[in-house]
Amino acid sequence: MAAEYAAIEDAAVELIQAGVAPTDPRAVELMDRQFKAVSAFWTPNRESFTGLGQNYVDHPDFKARYDAKHPVLAEFLRDAMAAYAEQRMA
């Protein structure tokens, strides 16, 4: 599972570097992988999946981890997860 999380994060960094918005279908599709990875441990609903993304920005440990990969990765994940929840978990 760690390899899948790393692959998702790396793919998100590639999207950021390509100038892809978190609401773009490619980002939303990537968050489908994120949702499936998270669901291996618990099944989030729309609110909790969005909240998890917000936690990536708000919690210092998550923020530092994602900032180490890319300075806006936490925010990108938060926004893409919210877009996924809005579009696919309604």
PDB file of N, CA and C in Angstrom:
ATOM      1  N   MET A   1       0.823  -1.183   0.000  1.00  0.00           N
ATOM      2  CA  MET A   1       0.000   0.000   0.000  1.00  0.00           C
ATOM      3  C   MET A   1       0.883   1.269   0.000  1.00  0.00           C
ATOM      4  N   ALA A   2       2.011   1.190   0.669  1.00  0.00           N
ATOM      5  CA  ALA A   2       2.905   2.346   0.690  1.00  0.00           C
ATOM      6  C   ALA A   2       3.354   2.716  -0.719  1.00  0.00           C
ATOM      7  N   ALA A   3       3.596   1.702  -1.547  1.00  0.00           N
ATOM      8  CA  ALA A   3       4.007   1.966  -2.926  1.00  0.00           C
ATOM      9  C   ALA A   3       2.884   2.655  -3.704  1.00  0.00           C
ATOM     10  N   GLU A   4       1.646   2.275  -3.461  1.00  0.00           N
ATOM     11  CA  GLU A   4       0.522   2.910  -4.149  1.00  0.00           C
ATOM     12  C   GLU A   4       0.378   4.362  -3.714  1.00  0.00           C
ATOM     13  N   TYR A   5       0.488   4.625  -2.409  1.00  0.00           N
ATOM     14  CA  TYR A   5       0.423   6.013  -1.942  1.00  0.00           C
ATOM     15  C   TYR A   5       1.538   6.849  -2.578  1.00  0.00           C
ATOM     16  N   ALA A   6       2.744   6.304  -2.628  1.00  0.00           N
ATOM     17  CA  ALA A   6       3.862   7.031  -3.237  1.00  0.00           C
ATOM     18  C   ALA A   6       3.604   7.283  -4.715  1.00  0.00           C
ATOM     19  N   ALA A   7       3.047   6.305  -5.414  1.00  0.00           N
ATOM     20  CA  ALA A   7       2.744   6.466  -6.841  1.00  0.00           C
ATOM     21  C   ALA A   7       1.673   7.537  -7.056  1.00  0.00           C
ATOM     22  N   ILE A   8       0.677   7.566  -6.196  1.00  0.00           N
ATOM     23  CA  ILE A   8      -0.370   8.601  -6.291  1.00  0.00           C
ATOM     24  C   ILE A   8       0.233   9.978  -6.065  1.00  0.00           C
ATOM     25  N   GLU A   9       1.052  10.098  -5.043  1.00  0.00           N
ATOM     26  CA  GLU A   9       1.695  11.383  -4.756  1.00  0.00           C
ATOM     27  C   GLU A   9       2.589  11.827  -5.904  1.00  0.00           C
ATOM     28  N   ASP A  10       3.362  10.903  -6.454  1.00  0.00           N
ATOM     29  CA  ASP A  10       4.233  11.240  -7.585  1.00  0.00           C
ATOM     30  C   ASP A  10       3.414  11.676  -8.798  1.00  0.00           C
ATOM     31  N   ALA A  11       2.309  10.991  -9.041  1.00  0.00           N
ATOM     32  CA  ALA A  11       1.436  11.359 -10.163  1.00  0.00           C
ATOM     33  C   ALA A  11       0.814  12.737  -9.922  1.00  0.00           C
ATOM     34  N   ALA A  12       0.472  13.036  -8.683  1.00  0.00           N
ATOM     35  CA  ALA A  12      -0.081  14.356  -8.359  1.00  0.00           C
ATOM     36  C   ALA A  12       0.961  15.445  -8.598  1.00  0.00           C
ATOM     37  N   VAL A  13       2.200  15.185  -8.223  1.00  0.00           N
ATOM     38  CA  VAL A  13       3.273  16.159  -8.468  1.00  0.00           C
ATOM     39  C   VAL A  13       3.427  16.385  -9.977  1.00  0.00           C
ATOM     40  N   GLU A  14       3.353  15.335 -10.750  1.00  0.00           N
ATOM     41  CA  GLU A  14       3.432  15.494 -12.212  1.00  0.00           C
ATOM     42  C   GLU A  14       2.296  16.374 -12.730  1.00  0.00           C
ATOM     43  N   LEU A  15       1.093  16.180 -12.202  1.00  0.00           N
ATOM     44  CA  LEU A  15      -0.033  17.017 -12.617  1.00  0.00           C
ATOM     45  C   LEU A  15       0.202  18.473 -12.233  1.00  0.00           C
ATOM     46  N   ILE A  16       0.689  18.693 -11.024  1.00  0.00           N
ATOM     47  CA  ILE A  16       0.988  20.063 -10.576  1.00  0.00           C
ATOM     48  C   ILE A  16       1.999  20.703 -11.515  1.00  0.00           C
ATOM     49  N   GLN A  17       3.070  19.987 -11.815  1.00  0.00           N
ATOM     50  CA  GLN A  17       4.126  20.521 -12.670  1.00  0.00           C
ATOM     51  C   GLN A  17       3.634  20.784 -14.089  1.00  0.00           C
ATOM     52  N   ALA A  18       2.609  20.056 -14.516  1.00  0.00           N
ATOM     53  CA  ALA A  18       2.037  20.257 -15.851  1.00  0.00           C
ATOM     54  C   ALA A  18       0.979  21.362 -15.853  1.00  0.00           C
ATOM     55  N   GLY A  19       0.717  21.935 -14.686  1.00  0.00           N
ATOM     56  CA  GLY A  19      -0.254  23.024 -14.595  1.00  0.00           C
ATOM     57  C   GLY A  19      -1.703  22.560 -14.590  1.00  0.00           C
ATOM     58  N   VAL A  20      -1.932  21.318 -14.242  1.00  0.00           N
ATOM     59  CA  VAL A  20      -3.287  20.760 -14.214  1.00  0.00           C
ATOM     60  C   VAL A  20      -3.988  21.213 -12.931  1.00  0.00           C
ATOM     61  N   ALA A  21      -5.202  21.680 -13.065  1.00  0.00           N
ATOM     62  CA  ALA A  21      -5.987  22.120 -11.914  1.00  0.00           C
ATOM     63  C   ALA A  21      -6.502  20.913 -11.125  1.00  0.00           C
ATOM     64  N   PRO A  22      -6.693  21.068  -9.825  1.00  0.00           N
ATOM     65  CA  PRO A  22      -7.207  19.960  -9.012  1.00  0.00           C
ATOM     66  C   PRO A  22      -8.604  19.504  -9.418  1.00  0.00           C
ATOM     67  N   THR A  23      -9.330  20.355 -10.122  1.00  0.00           N
ATOM     68  CA  THR A  23     -10.676  20.008 -10.573  1.00  0.00           C
ATOM     69  C   THR A  23     -10.685  19.363 -11.961  1.00  0.00           C
ATOM     70  N   ASP A  24      -9.537  19.299 -12.599  1.00  0.00           N
ATOM     71  CA  ASP A  24      -9.414  18.691 -13.927  1.00  0.00           C
ATOM     72  C   ASP A  24      -9.766  17.204 -13.831  1.00  0.00           C
ATOM     73  N   PRO A  25     -10.387  16.659 -14.865  1.00  0.00           N
ATOM     74  CA  PRO A  25     -10.728  15.230 -14.842  1.00  0.00           C
ATOM     75  C   PRO A  25      -9.552  14.301 -14.562  1.00  0.00           C
ATOM     76  N   ARG A  26      -8.355  14.682 -14.978  1.00  0.00           N
ATOM     77  CA  ARG A  26      -7.184  13.837 -14.698  1.00  0.00           C
ATOM     78  C   ARG A  26      -6.881  13.787 -13.201  1.00  0.00           C
ATOM     79  N   ALA A  27      -7.037  14.921 -12.532  1.00  0.00           N
ATOM     80  CA  ALA A  27      -6.816  14.961 -11.084  1.00  0.00           C
ATOM     81  C   ALA A  27      -7.913  14.203 -10.351  1.00  0.00           C
ATOM     82  N   VAL A  28      -9.141  14.374 -10.803  1.00  0.00           N
ATOM     83  CA  VAL A  28     -10.258  13.665 -10.182  1.00  0.00           C
ATOM     84  C   VAL A  28     -10.087  12.156 -10.351  1.00  0.00           C
ATOM     85  N   GLU A  29      -9.659  11.737 -11.524  1.00  0.00           N
ATOM     86  CA  GLU A  29      -9.417  10.311 -11.764  1.00  0.00           C
ATOM     87  C   GLU A  29      -8.300   9.786 -10.857  1.00  0.00           C
ATOM     88  N   LEU A  30      -7.268  10.578 -10.651  1.00  0.00           N
ATOM     89  CA  LEU A  30      -6.199  10.179  -9.739  1.00  0.00           C
ATOM     90  C   LEU A  30      -6.742  10.021  -8.321  1.00  0.00           C
ATOM     91  N   MET A  31      -7.678  10.867  -7.948  1.00  0.00           N
ATOM     92  CA  MET A  31      -8.255  10.771  -6.609  1.00  0.00           C
ATOM     93  C   MET A  31      -9.137   9.540  -6.461  1.00  0.00           C
ATOM     94  N   ASP A  32      -9.561   8.950  -7.564  1.00  0.00           N
ATOM     95  CA  ASP A  32     -10.243   7.664  -7.476  1.00  0.00           C
ATOM     96  C   ASP A  32      -9.274   6.620  -6.938  1.00  0.00           C
ATOM     97  N   ARG A  33      -8.042   6.682  -7.385  1.00  0.00           N
ATOM     98  CA  ARG A  33      -7.003   5.792  -6.842  1.00  0.00           C
ATOM     99  C   ARG A  33      -6.783   6.083  -5.363  1.00  0.00           C
ATOM    100  N   GLN A  34      -6.761   7.370  -5.005  1.00  0.00           N
ATOM    101  CA  GLN A  34      -6.584   7.768  -3.608  1.00  0.00           C
ATOM    102  C   GLN A  34      -7.730   7.209  -2.759  1.00  0.00           C
ATOM    103  N   PHE A  35      -8.952   7.349  -3.261  1.00  0.00           N
ATOM    104  CA  PHE A  35     -10.113   6.845  -2.534  1.00  0.00           C
ATOM    105  C   PHE A  35     -10.007   5.328  -2.335  1.00  0.00           C
ATOM    106  N   LYS A  36      -9.631   4.617  -3.375  1.00  0.00           N
ATOM    107  CA  LYS A  36      -9.495   3.160  -3.273  1.00  0.00           C
ATOM    108  C   LYS A  36      -8.382   2.777  -2.297  1.00  0.00           C
ATOM    109  N   ALA A  37      -7.296   3.519  -2.292  1.00  0.00           N
ATOM    110  CA  ALA A  37      -6.201   3.237  -1.365  1.00  0.00           C
ATOM    111  C   ALA A  37      -6.648   3.465   0.077  1.00  0.00           C
ATOM    112  N   VAL A  38      -7.317   4.583   0.315  1.00  0.00           N
ATOM    113  CA  VAL A  38      -7.829   4.875   1.658  1.00  0.00           C
ATOM    114  C   VAL A  38      -8.845   3.812   2.074  1.00  0.00           C
ATOM    115  N   SER A  39      -9.668   3.387   1.128  1.00  0.00           N
ATOM    116  CA  SER A  39     -10.727   2.419   1.424  1.00  0.00           C
ATOM    117  C   SER A  39     -10.195   1.041   1.801  1.00  0.00           C
ATOM    118  N   ALA A  40      -8.920   0.804   1.593  1.00  0.00           N
ATOM    119  CA  ALA A  40      -8.323  -0.447   2.048  1.00  0.00           C
ATOM    120  C   ALA A  40      -8.285  -0.499   3.575  1.00  0.00           C
ATOM    121  N   PHE A  41      -8.362   0.663   4.213  1.00  0.00           N
ATOM    122  CA  PHE A  41      -8.289   0.746   5.670  1.00  0.00           C
ATOM    123  C   PHE A  41      -9.621   1.123   6.305  1.00  0.00           C
ATOM    124  N   TRP A  42     -10.379   1.967   5.642  1.00  0.00           N
ATOM    125  CA  TRP A  42     -11.719   2.375   6.097  1.00  0.00           C
ATOM    126  C   TRP A  42     -12.438   2.983   4.902  1.00  0.00           C
ATOM    127  N   THR A  43     -13.744   2.996   4.934  1.00  0.00           N
ATOM    128  CA  THR A  43     -14.505   3.506   3.798  1.00  0.00           C
ATOM    129  C   THR A  43     -15.034   4.892   4.123  1.00  0.00           C
ATOM    130  N   PRO A  44     -14.381   5.916   3.581  1.00  0.00           N
ATOM    131  CA  PRO A  44     -14.833   7.274   3.875  1.00  0.00           C
ATOM    132  C   PRO A  44     -16.101   7.617   3.103  1.00  0.00           C
ATOM    133  N   ASN A  45     -16.889   8.492   3.698  1.00  0.00           N
ATOM    134  CA  ASN A  45     -18.009   9.070   2.974  1.00  0.00           C
ATOM    135  C   ASN A  45     -17.547  10.410   2.398  1.00  0.00           C
ATOM    136  N   ARG A  46     -18.443  11.099   1.765  1.00  0.00           N
ATOM    137  CA  ARG A  46     -18.089  12.362   1.109  1.00  0.00           C
ATOM    138  C   ARG A  46     -17.458  13.347   2.095  1.00  0.00           C
ATOM    139  N   GLU A  47     -18.074  13.494   3.247  1.00  0.00           N
ATOM    140  CA  GLU A  47     -17.588  14.455   4.238  1.00  0.00           C
ATOM    141  C   GLU A  47     -16.230  14.054   4.803  1.00  0.00           C
ATOM    142  N   SER A  48     -16.064  12.781   5.122  1.00  0.00           N
ATOM    143  CA  SER A  48     -14.795  12.362   5.731  1.00  0.00           C
ATOM    144  C   SER A  48     -13.654  12.343   4.716  1.00  0.00           C
ATOM    145  N   PHE A  49     -13.950  12.041   3.456  1.00  0.00           N
ATOM    146  CA  PHE A  49     -12.892  12.079   2.443  1.00  0.00           C
ATOM    147  C   PHE A  49     -12.428  13.513   2.218  1.00  0.00           C
ATOM    148  N   THR A  50     -13.376  14.435   2.163  1.00  0.00           N
ATOM    149  CA  THR A  50     -13.034  15.856   2.043  1.00  0.00           C
ATOM    150  C   THR A  50     -12.265  16.312   3.283  1.00  0.00           C
ATOM    151  N   GLY A  51     -12.704  15.870   4.448  1.00  0.00           N
ATOM    152  CA  GLY A  51     -12.030  16.223   5.696  1.00  0.00           C
ATOM    153  C   GLY A  51     -10.610  15.686   5.764  1.00  0.00           C
ATOM    154  N   LEU A  52     -10.403  14.494   5.232  1.00  0.00           N
ATOM    155  CA  LEU A  52      -9.048  13.938   5.193  1.00  0.00           C
ATOM    156  C   LEU A  52      -8.139  14.821   4.356  1.00  0.00           C
ATOM    157  N   GLY A  53      -8.646  15.265   3.206  1.00  0.00           N
ATOM    158  CA  GLY A  53      -7.860  16.175   2.377  1.00  0.00           C
ATOM    159  C   GLY A  53      -7.523  17.473   3.103  1.00  0.00           C
ATOM    160  N   GLN A  54      -8.490  17.997   3.847  1.00  0.00           N
ATOM    161  CA  GLN A  54      -8.236  19.218   4.626  1.00  0.00           C
ATOM    162  C   GLN A  54      -7.190  18.954   5.694  1.00  0.00           C
ATOM    163  N   ASN A  55      -7.221  17.765   6.275  1.00  0.00           N
ATOM    164  CA  ASN A  55      -6.239  17.395   7.287  1.00  0.00           C
ATOM    165  C   ASN A  55      -4.820  17.390   6.721  1.00  0.00           C
ATOM    166  N   TYR A  56      -4.674  17.058   5.446  1.00  0.00           N
ATOM    167  CA  TYR A  56      -3.353  17.086   4.812  1.00  0.00           C
ATOM    168  C   TYR A  56      -2.738  18.482   4.860  1.00  0.00           C
ATOM    169  N   VAL A  57      -3.572  19.490   4.843  1.00  0.00           N
ATOM    170  CA  VAL A  57      -3.104  20.879   4.889  1.00  0.00           C
ATOM    171  C   VAL A  57      -2.964  21.358   6.330  1.00  0.00           C
ATOM    172  N   ASP A  58      -3.922  20.984   7.173  1.00  0.00           N
ATOM    173  CA  ASP A  58      -3.980  21.521   8.537  1.00  0.00           C
ATOM    174  C   ASP A  58      -3.042  20.843   9.527  1.00  0.00           C
ATOM    175  N   HIS A  59      -2.784  19.564   9.357  1.00  0.00           N
ATOM    176  CA  HIS A  59      -1.958  18.841  10.323  1.00  0.00           C
ATOM    177  C   HIS A  59      -0.484  19.031   9.970  1.00  0.00           C
ATOM    178  N   PRO A  60       0.301  19.519  10.900  1.00  0.00           N
ATOM    179  CA  PRO A  60       1.713  19.817  10.594  1.00  0.00           C
ATOM    180  C   PRO A  60       2.515  18.631  10.061  1.00  0.00           C
ATOM    181  N   ASP A  61       2.251  17.440  10.553  1.00  0.00           N
ATOM    182  CA  ASP A  61       3.007  16.276  10.091  1.00  0.00           C
ATOM    183  C   ASP A  61       2.685  15.937   8.636  1.00  0.00           C
ATOM    184  N   PHE A  62       1.391  15.931   8.298  1.00  0.00           N
ATOM    185  CA  PHE A  62       1.009  15.689   6.906  1.00  0.00           C
ATOM    186  C   PHE A  62       1.559  16.789   6.009  1.00  0.00           C
ATOM    187  N   LYS A  63       1.383  18.027   6.441  1.00  0.00           N
ATOM    188  CA  LYS A  63       1.810  19.178   5.631  1.00  0.00           C
ATOM    189  C   LYS A  63       3.310  19.088   5.338  1.00  0.00           C
ATOM    190  N   ALA A  64       4.097  18.815   6.349  1.00  0.00           N
ATOM    191  CA  ALA A  64       5.551  18.721   6.169  1.00  0.00           C
ATOM    192  C   ALA A  64       5.911  17.578   5.224  1.00  0.00           C
ATOM    193  N   ARG A  65       5.213  16.463   5.353  1.00  0.00           N
ATOM    194  CA  ARG A  65       5.484  15.308   4.492  1.00  0.00           C
ATOM    195  C   ARG A  65       5.213  15.644   3.033  1.00  0.00           C
ATOM    196  N   TYR A  66       4.075  16.267   2.785  1.00  0.00           N
ATOM    197  CA  TYR A  66       3.733  16.607   1.404  1.00  0.00           C
ATOM    198  C   TYR A  66       4.576  17.771   0.886  1.00  0.00           C
ATOM    199  N   ASP A  67       4.862  18.744   1.728  1.00  0.00           N
ATOM    200  CA  ASP A  67       5.709  19.862   1.315  1.00  0.00           C
ATOM    201  C   ASP A  67       7.096  19.387   0.891  1.00  0.00           C
ATOM    202  N   ALA A  68       7.561  18.305   1.486  1.00  0.00           N
ATOM    203  CA  ALA A  68       8.873  17.770   1.128  1.00  0.00           C
ATOM    204  C   ALA A  68       8.887  17.254  -0.314  1.00  0.00           C
ATOM    205  N   LYS A  69       7.736  16.832  -0.807  1.00  0.00           N
ATOM    206  CA  LYS A  69       7.641  16.352  -2.191  1.00  0.00           C
ATOM    207  C   LYS A  69       7.387  17.492  -3.169  1.00  0.00           C
ATOM    208  N   HIS A  70       6.540  18.431  -2.768  1.00  0.00           N
ATOM    209  CA  HIS A  70       6.239  19.604  -3.600  1.00  0.00           C
ATOM    210  C   HIS A  70       5.546  20.635  -2.708  1.00  0.00           C
ATOM    211  N   PRO A  71       5.902  21.915  -2.848  1.00  0.00           N
ATOM    212  CA  PRO A  71       5.378  22.943  -1.940  1.00  0.00           C
ATOM    213  C   PRO A  71       3.858  23.127  -1.939  1.00  0.00           C
ATOM    214  N   VAL A  72       3.157  22.658  -2.960  1.00  0.00           N
ATOM    215  CA  VAL A  72       1.690  22.804  -2.957  1.00  0.00           C
ATOM    216  C   VAL A  72       0.977  21.449  -3.047  1.00  0.00           C
ATOM    217  N   LEU A  73       1.702  20.365  -2.781  1.00  0.00           N
ATOM    218  CA  LEU A  73       1.088  19.048  -2.907  1.00  0.00           C
ATOM    219  C   LEU A  73      -0.080  18.867  -1.939  1.00  0.00           C
ATOM    220  N   ALA A  74       0.072  19.278  -0.703  1.00  0.00           N
ATOM    221  CA  ALA A  74      -1.013  19.115   0.273  1.00  0.00           C
ATOM    222  C   ALA A  74      -2.272  19.846  -0.190  1.00  0.00           C
ATOM    223  N   GLU A  75      -2.102  21.064  -0.666  1.00  0.00           N
ATOM    224  CA  GLU A  75      -3.249  21.843  -1.131  1.00  0.00           C
ATOM    225  C   GLU A  75      -3.875  21.230  -2.387  1.00  0.00           C
ATOM    226  N   PHE A  76      -3.029  20.744  -3.278  1.00  0.00           N
ATOM    227  CA  PHE A  76      -3.529  20.097  -4.492  1.00  0.00           C
ATOM    228  C   PHE A  76      -4.350  18.863  -4.137  1.00  0.00           C
ATOM    229  N   LEU A  77      -3.821  18.028  -3.249  1.00  0.00           N
ATOM    230  CA  LEU A  77      -4.546  16.836  -2.832  1.00  0.00           C
ATOM    231  C   LEU A  77      -5.868  17.212  -2.168  1.00  0.00           C
ATOM    232  N   ARG A  78      -5.828  18.200  -1.281  1.00  0.00           N
ATOM    233  CA  ARG A  78      -7.061  18.648  -0.616  1.00  0.00           C
ATOM    234  C   ARG A  78      -8.113  19.046  -1.637  1.00  0.00           C
ATOM    235  N   ASP A  79      -7.714  19.875  -2.585  1.00  0.00           N
ATOM    236  CA  ASP A  79      -8.666  20.389  -3.565  1.00  0.00           C
ATOM    237  C   ASP A  79      -9.132  19.301  -4.525  1.00  0.00           C
ATOM    238  N   ALA A  80      -8.238  18.412  -4.913  1.00  0.00           N
ATOM    239  CA  ALA A  80      -8.618  17.321  -5.811  1.00  0.00           C
ATOM    240  C   ALA A  80      -9.521  16.318  -5.100  1.00  0.00           C
ATOM    241  N   MET A  81      -9.254  16.070  -3.828  1.00  0.00           N
ATOM    242  CA  MET A  81     -10.113  15.168  -3.068  1.00  0.00           C
ATOM    243  C   MET A  81     -11.507  15.769  -2.904  1.00  0.00           C
ATOM    244  N   ALA A  82     -11.574  17.074  -2.673  1.00  0.00           N
ATOM    245  CA  ALA A  82     -12.876  17.743  -2.568  1.00  0.00           C
ATOM    246  C   ALA A  82     -13.620  17.671  -3.899  1.00  0.00           C
ATOM    247  N   ALA A  83     -12.904  17.868  -5.006  1.00  0.00           N
ATOM    248  CA  ALA A  83     -13.534  17.778  -6.327  1.00  0.00           C
ATOM    249  C   ALA A  83     -14.038  16.356  -6.573  1.00  0.00           C
ATOM    250  N   TYR A  84     -13.243  15.368  -6.206  1.00  0.00           N
ATOM    251  CA  TYR A  84     -13.657  13.966  -6.349  1.00  0.00           C
ATOM    252  C   TYR A  84     -14.921  13.707  -5.533  1.00  0.00           C
ATOM    253  N   ALA A  85     -14.914  14.152  -4.277  1.00  0.00           N
ATOM    254  CA  ALA A  85     -16.069  13.924  -3.406  1.00  0.00           C
ATOM    255  C   ALA A  85     -17.318  14.592  -3.981  1.00  0.00           C
ATOM    256  N   GLU A  86     -17.161  15.792  -4.484  1.00  0.00           N
ATOM    257  CA  GLU A  86     -18.303  16.511  -5.048  1.00  0.00           C
ATOM    258  C   GLU A  86     -18.830  15.830  -6.311  1.00  0.00           C
ATOM    259  N   GLN A  87     -17.932  15.384  -7.158  1.00  0.00           N
ATOM    260  CA  GLN A  87     -18.333  14.827  -8.447  1.00  0.00           C
ATOM    261  C   GLN A  87     -18.739  13.356  -8.398  1.00  0.00           C
ATOM    262  N   ARG A  88     -18.112  12.593  -7.516  1.00  0.00           N
ATOM    263  CA  ARG A  88     -18.316  11.143  -7.569  1.00  0.00           C
ATOM    264  C   ARG A  88     -18.933  10.540  -6.313  1.00  0.00           C
ATOM    265  N   MET A  89     -19.070  11.334  -5.278  1.00  0.00           N
ATOM    266  CA  MET A  89     -19.619  10.785  -4.037  1.00  0.00           C
ATOM    267  C   MET A  89     -20.938  11.454  -3.658  1.00  0.00           C
ATOM    268  N   ALA A  90     -21.541  12.141  -4.574  1.00  0.00           N
ATOM    269  CA  ALA A  90     -22.778  12.884  -4.274  1.00  0.00           C
ATOM    270  C   ALA A  90     -23.940  11.977  -3.984  1.00  0.00           C
TER     271      ALA A  90
END
